[in-house]
N, C-alpha and C. Protein backbone atom coordinates (compact mmCIF):
# COMPACT_ATOMS: atom_id res chain seq x y z
N ALA A 1 113.43 89.80 96.34
CA ALA A 1 113.92 89.54 97.69
C ALA A 1 113.23 90.48 98.66
N VAL A 2 113.02 90.00 99.85
CA VAL A 2 112.42 90.81 100.90
C VAL A 2 113.52 91.30 101.82
N VAL A 3 113.50 92.59 102.12
CA VAL A 3 114.48 93.19 103.01
C VAL A 3 113.74 93.69 104.24
N SER A 4 114.20 93.29 105.41
CA SER A 4 113.62 93.73 106.66
C SER A 4 114.66 94.56 107.40
N THR A 5 114.31 95.80 107.72
CA THR A 5 115.24 96.68 108.43
C THR A 5 114.55 97.27 109.64
N GLN A 6 115.33 97.61 110.65
CA GLN A 6 114.81 98.26 111.83
C GLN A 6 114.64 99.74 111.52
N SER A 7 113.49 100.30 111.87
CA SER A 7 113.26 101.73 111.68
C SER A 7 112.63 102.28 112.95
N THR A 8 112.49 103.57 113.01
CA THR A 8 111.87 104.19 114.17
C THR A 8 110.46 103.66 114.33
N GLY A 9 110.16 103.07 115.45
CA GLY A 9 108.81 102.58 115.72
C GLY A 9 108.53 101.17 115.23
N GLY A 10 109.51 100.45 114.75
CA GLY A 10 109.25 99.07 114.33
C GLY A 10 110.14 98.61 113.21
N ARG A 11 109.68 97.58 112.50
CA ARG A 11 110.43 97.02 111.39
C ARG A 11 109.81 97.45 110.08
N ARG A 12 110.65 97.60 109.08
CA ARG A 12 110.20 97.97 107.74
C ARG A 12 110.51 96.80 106.81
N ILE A 13 109.51 96.38 106.06
CA ILE A 13 109.68 95.27 105.12
C ILE A 13 109.45 95.79 103.72
N CYS A 14 110.41 95.56 102.84
CA CYS A 14 110.35 96.03 101.46
C CYS A 14 110.69 94.89 100.51
N GLY A 15 110.18 94.96 99.29
CA GLY A 15 110.56 94.00 98.27
C GLY A 15 109.41 93.11 97.85
N ALA A 16 109.71 92.14 97.01
CA ALA A 16 108.70 91.20 96.53
C ALA A 16 108.94 89.85 97.19
N GLY A 17 107.88 89.23 97.64
CA GLY A 17 107.98 87.96 98.34
C GLY A 17 107.28 88.07 99.66
N GLY A 18 107.68 87.30 100.64
CA GLY A 18 107.03 87.33 101.94
C GLY A 18 108.02 87.18 103.06
N ALA A 19 107.58 87.50 104.25
CA ALA A 19 108.40 87.36 105.45
C ALA A 19 107.51 86.84 106.56
N LEU A 20 108.05 85.93 107.36
CA LEU A 20 107.32 85.41 108.51
C LEU A 20 107.92 85.98 109.78
N ALA A 21 107.06 86.30 110.74
CA ALA A 21 107.54 86.72 112.05
C ALA A 21 108.09 85.52 112.79
N ASP A 22 108.84 85.76 113.83
CA ASP A 22 109.40 84.65 114.59
C ASP A 22 108.58 84.31 115.83
N THR A 23 107.40 84.91 115.96
CA THR A 23 106.53 84.64 117.09
C THR A 23 105.28 83.93 116.61
N PRO A 24 105.03 82.72 117.09
CA PRO A 24 103.83 82.00 116.65
C PRO A 24 102.56 82.61 117.24
N LEU A 25 101.44 82.39 116.57
CA LEU A 25 100.14 82.82 117.07
C LEU A 25 99.57 81.68 117.90
N ASN A 26 99.77 81.73 119.20
CA ASN A 26 99.36 80.64 120.09
C ASN A 26 98.00 80.85 120.72
N GLN A 27 97.38 81.97 120.48
CA GLN A 27 96.08 82.26 121.08
C GLN A 27 95.01 82.29 120.00
N ASP A 28 93.75 82.29 120.42
CA ASP A 28 92.68 82.34 119.45
C ASP A 28 92.38 83.77 118.99
N LYS A 29 93.00 84.77 119.63
CA LYS A 29 92.84 86.16 119.23
C LYS A 29 94.22 86.81 119.18
N THR A 30 94.49 87.51 118.09
CA THR A 30 95.78 88.14 117.88
C THR A 30 95.56 89.55 117.35
N TYR A 31 96.43 90.47 117.74
CA TYR A 31 96.36 91.86 117.28
C TYR A 31 97.76 92.28 116.83
N PHE A 32 97.84 92.91 115.67
CA PHE A 32 99.10 93.50 115.25
C PHE A 32 98.82 94.76 114.46
N GLU A 33 99.82 95.61 114.34
CA GLU A 33 99.66 96.90 113.67
C GLU A 33 100.58 96.98 112.46
N ILE A 34 100.10 97.69 111.45
CA ILE A 34 100.90 97.96 110.26
C ILE A 34 100.74 99.43 109.87
N LYS A 35 101.74 99.93 109.20
CA LYS A 35 101.66 101.27 108.61
C LYS A 35 102.17 101.15 107.19
N VAL A 36 101.32 101.46 106.22
CA VAL A 36 101.71 101.44 104.82
C VAL A 36 102.50 102.72 104.57
N GLN A 37 103.76 102.57 104.14
CA GLN A 37 104.61 103.74 103.95
C GLN A 37 104.77 104.16 102.50
N ALA A 38 104.30 103.34 101.58
CA ALA A 38 104.38 103.70 100.16
C ALA A 38 103.17 103.10 99.45
N SER A 39 102.69 103.80 98.45
CA SER A 39 101.57 103.26 97.69
C SER A 39 102.05 102.14 96.79
N GLY A 40 101.13 101.36 96.30
CA GLY A 40 101.49 100.25 95.43
C GLY A 40 100.72 99.00 95.79
N VAL A 41 101.20 97.90 95.29
CA VAL A 41 100.57 96.60 95.55
C VAL A 41 101.24 95.98 96.76
N TRP A 42 100.46 95.59 97.75
CA TRP A 42 101.00 94.99 98.96
C TRP A 42 99.95 94.08 99.57
N GLY A 43 100.36 93.30 100.55
CA GLY A 43 99.45 92.45 101.30
C GLY A 43 100.01 92.19 102.67
N VAL A 44 99.13 91.92 103.62
CA VAL A 44 99.54 91.57 104.98
C VAL A 44 98.61 90.46 105.45
N GLY A 45 99.17 89.50 106.17
CA GLY A 45 98.34 88.41 106.62
C GLY A 45 99.09 87.43 107.49
N VAL A 46 98.55 86.23 107.54
CA VAL A 46 99.17 85.16 108.32
C VAL A 46 99.30 83.93 107.44
N ALA A 47 100.28 83.11 107.79
CA ALA A 47 100.52 81.88 107.02
C ALA A 47 101.20 80.86 107.92
N SER A 48 101.09 79.60 107.55
CA SER A 48 101.83 78.57 108.27
C SER A 48 103.28 78.61 107.82
N ARG A 49 104.16 78.06 108.60
CA ARG A 49 105.59 78.09 108.28
C ARG A 49 105.94 77.35 107.00
N ASP A 50 105.10 76.41 106.57
CA ASP A 50 105.44 75.62 105.38
C ASP A 50 104.94 76.24 104.07
N VAL A 51 104.35 77.43 104.12
CA VAL A 51 103.88 78.09 102.90
C VAL A 51 105.09 78.62 102.11
N CYS A 52 105.00 78.59 100.80
CA CYS A 52 106.08 79.08 99.94
C CYS A 52 105.99 80.61 99.84
N LEU A 53 106.93 81.30 100.43
CA LEU A 53 106.91 82.76 100.45
C LEU A 53 107.34 83.38 99.13
N ASP A 54 107.91 82.59 98.23
CA ASP A 54 108.36 83.12 96.94
C ASP A 54 107.24 83.20 95.92
N LYS A 55 106.09 82.62 96.22
CA LYS A 55 104.96 82.63 95.28
C LYS A 55 103.96 83.68 95.71
N ALA A 56 104.18 84.90 95.28
CA ALA A 56 103.25 85.98 95.59
C ALA A 56 102.14 85.99 94.54
N PRO A 57 100.93 86.34 94.88
CA PRO A 57 100.51 86.73 96.22
C PRO A 57 100.14 85.53 97.06
N LEU A 58 100.29 85.68 98.37
CA LEU A 58 99.83 84.65 99.28
C LEU A 58 98.30 84.70 99.33
N GLY A 59 97.70 83.77 100.04
CA GLY A 59 96.25 83.69 100.08
C GLY A 59 95.69 82.82 98.97
N MET A 60 96.57 82.23 98.16
CA MET A 60 96.12 81.39 97.05
C MET A 60 96.21 79.91 97.40
N ASP A 61 96.40 79.58 98.68
CA ASP A 61 96.43 78.19 99.11
C ASP A 61 95.67 78.08 100.43
N SER A 62 95.59 76.88 100.96
CA SER A 62 94.83 76.65 102.19
C SER A 62 95.61 76.96 103.46
N ARG A 63 96.86 77.42 103.32
CA ARG A 63 97.71 77.68 104.49
C ARG A 63 98.05 79.15 104.69
N SER A 64 97.39 80.04 103.95
CA SER A 64 97.65 81.47 104.13
C SER A 64 96.37 82.28 103.96
N TRP A 65 96.32 83.39 104.66
CA TRP A 65 95.20 84.33 104.62
C TRP A 65 95.81 85.70 104.41
N LEU A 66 95.24 86.49 103.49
CA LEU A 66 95.89 87.74 103.11
C LEU A 66 94.87 88.86 102.92
N LEU A 67 95.18 90.02 103.48
CA LEU A 67 94.46 91.26 103.22
C LEU A 67 95.29 92.01 102.20
N ARG A 68 94.68 92.33 101.05
CA ARG A 68 95.42 93.00 99.97
C ARG A 68 95.18 94.50 99.95
N HIS A 69 96.01 95.17 99.19
CA HIS A 69 95.97 96.63 99.08
C HIS A 69 94.61 97.17 98.64
N ASP A 70 93.82 96.37 97.93
CA ASP A 70 92.50 96.83 97.46
C ASP A 70 91.38 96.54 98.45
N GLY A 71 91.72 96.02 99.63
CA GLY A 71 90.73 95.74 100.67
C GLY A 71 90.15 94.34 100.60
N SER A 72 90.55 93.54 99.61
CA SER A 72 90.02 92.18 99.52
C SER A 72 90.81 91.24 100.43
N CYS A 73 90.13 90.24 100.95
CA CYS A 73 90.74 89.22 101.81
C CYS A 73 90.74 87.91 101.03
N TRP A 74 91.86 87.19 101.07
CA TRP A 74 92.01 85.97 100.26
C TRP A 74 92.44 84.79 101.09
N HIS A 75 91.88 83.62 100.74
CA HIS A 75 92.26 82.34 101.33
C HIS A 75 91.84 81.24 100.36
N ALA A 76 92.73 80.31 100.07
CA ALA A 76 92.44 79.16 99.21
C ALA A 76 91.88 79.57 97.84
N THR A 77 92.52 80.51 97.20
CA THR A 77 92.23 81.03 95.85
C THR A 77 90.91 81.79 95.72
N SER A 78 90.25 82.08 96.80
CA SER A 78 88.97 82.77 96.71
C SER A 78 88.92 83.97 97.66
N PRO A 79 88.28 85.04 97.20
CA PRO A 79 88.07 86.15 98.14
C PRO A 79 87.04 85.72 99.17
N TRP A 80 87.22 86.11 100.40
CA TRP A 80 86.25 85.81 101.45
C TRP A 80 86.05 87.05 102.30
N GLN A 81 84.88 87.20 102.77
CA GLN A 81 84.49 88.36 103.55
C GLN A 81 85.08 89.63 102.99
N PRO A 82 84.71 90.00 101.77
CA PRO A 82 85.23 91.25 101.20
C PRO A 82 84.97 92.41 102.15
N SER A 83 85.90 93.31 102.22
CA SER A 83 85.75 94.42 103.15
C SER A 83 85.82 95.74 102.40
N ALA A 84 85.31 96.75 103.04
CA ALA A 84 85.39 98.11 102.49
C ALA A 84 86.61 98.80 103.08
N LEU A 85 87.47 98.03 103.71
CA LEU A 85 88.66 98.56 104.35
C LEU A 85 89.61 99.15 103.32
N CYS A 86 90.11 100.31 103.62
CA CYS A 86 91.10 100.94 102.75
C CYS A 86 92.22 101.48 103.64
N LEU A 87 93.33 100.76 103.68
CA LEU A 87 94.46 101.23 104.47
C LEU A 87 95.20 102.30 103.68
N GLN A 88 95.37 103.45 104.28
CA GLN A 88 95.98 104.57 103.58
C GLN A 88 97.42 104.77 104.01
N ARG A 89 98.19 105.30 103.10
CA ARG A 89 99.61 105.55 103.34
C ARG A 89 99.79 106.47 104.55
N GLY A 90 100.71 106.07 105.43
CA GLY A 90 101.05 106.89 106.59
C GLY A 90 100.14 106.72 107.79
N ILE A 91 99.08 105.94 107.69
CA ILE A 91 98.13 105.74 108.79
C ILE A 91 98.45 104.42 109.48
N LEU A 92 98.60 104.44 110.80
CA LEU A 92 98.81 103.23 111.58
C LEU A 92 97.47 102.50 111.71
N SER A 93 97.44 101.25 111.29
CA SER A 93 96.20 100.47 111.31
C SER A 93 96.39 99.21 112.14
N GLY A 94 95.41 98.90 112.96
CA GLY A 94 95.44 97.70 113.77
C GLY A 94 94.63 96.60 113.12
N LEU A 95 95.15 95.39 113.14
CA LEU A 95 94.46 94.23 112.59
C LEU A 95 94.23 93.23 113.71
N HIS A 96 92.99 92.77 113.84
CA HIS A 96 92.62 91.80 114.86
C HIS A 96 92.23 90.51 114.17
N LEU A 97 92.84 89.43 114.54
CA LEU A 97 92.58 88.13 113.96
C LEU A 97 92.01 87.22 115.02
N THR A 98 90.85 86.64 114.72
CA THR A 98 90.24 85.65 115.61
C THR A 98 90.21 84.33 114.87
N THR A 99 90.73 83.30 115.50
CA THR A 99 90.72 81.97 114.89
C THR A 99 89.81 81.07 115.71
N CYS A 100 89.27 80.08 115.06
CA CYS A 100 88.41 79.12 115.75
C CYS A 100 88.50 77.78 115.05
N SER A 101 88.05 76.78 115.73
CA SER A 101 88.00 75.44 115.15
C SER A 101 86.56 75.10 114.83
N TYR A 102 86.37 74.35 113.76
CA TYR A 102 85.04 73.90 113.39
C TYR A 102 85.06 72.39 113.33
N ASN A 103 84.23 71.79 114.12
CA ASN A 103 84.13 70.33 114.13
C ASN A 103 82.75 69.93 113.63
N SER A 104 82.72 69.24 112.53
CA SER A 104 81.42 68.77 112.02
C SER A 104 81.12 67.41 112.63
N THR A 105 79.87 67.17 112.92
CA THR A 105 79.49 65.88 113.50
C THR A 105 78.52 65.16 112.61
């Protein structure tokens, strides 16, 4: 189960599973911040509302994108754009997401 509690400076999410925010991403560019407060296996990302949050890890379908604790990025069962990013415990990190449409002709 995922537990979301209010803490100083924001919300704290603990447990196994997933949680969706209540604010949709209506723009083509989005920014949010996270702070990893404990070491271990974790992920942060975006997903459509119809994704199954009980099937961890996310990023294994076409409706979710996930940055994992090891710096890998996942979407549709494959790593994409591997990064050298390493989010460290106690450090506030900003994530910028740019979305676009691709139309083939």
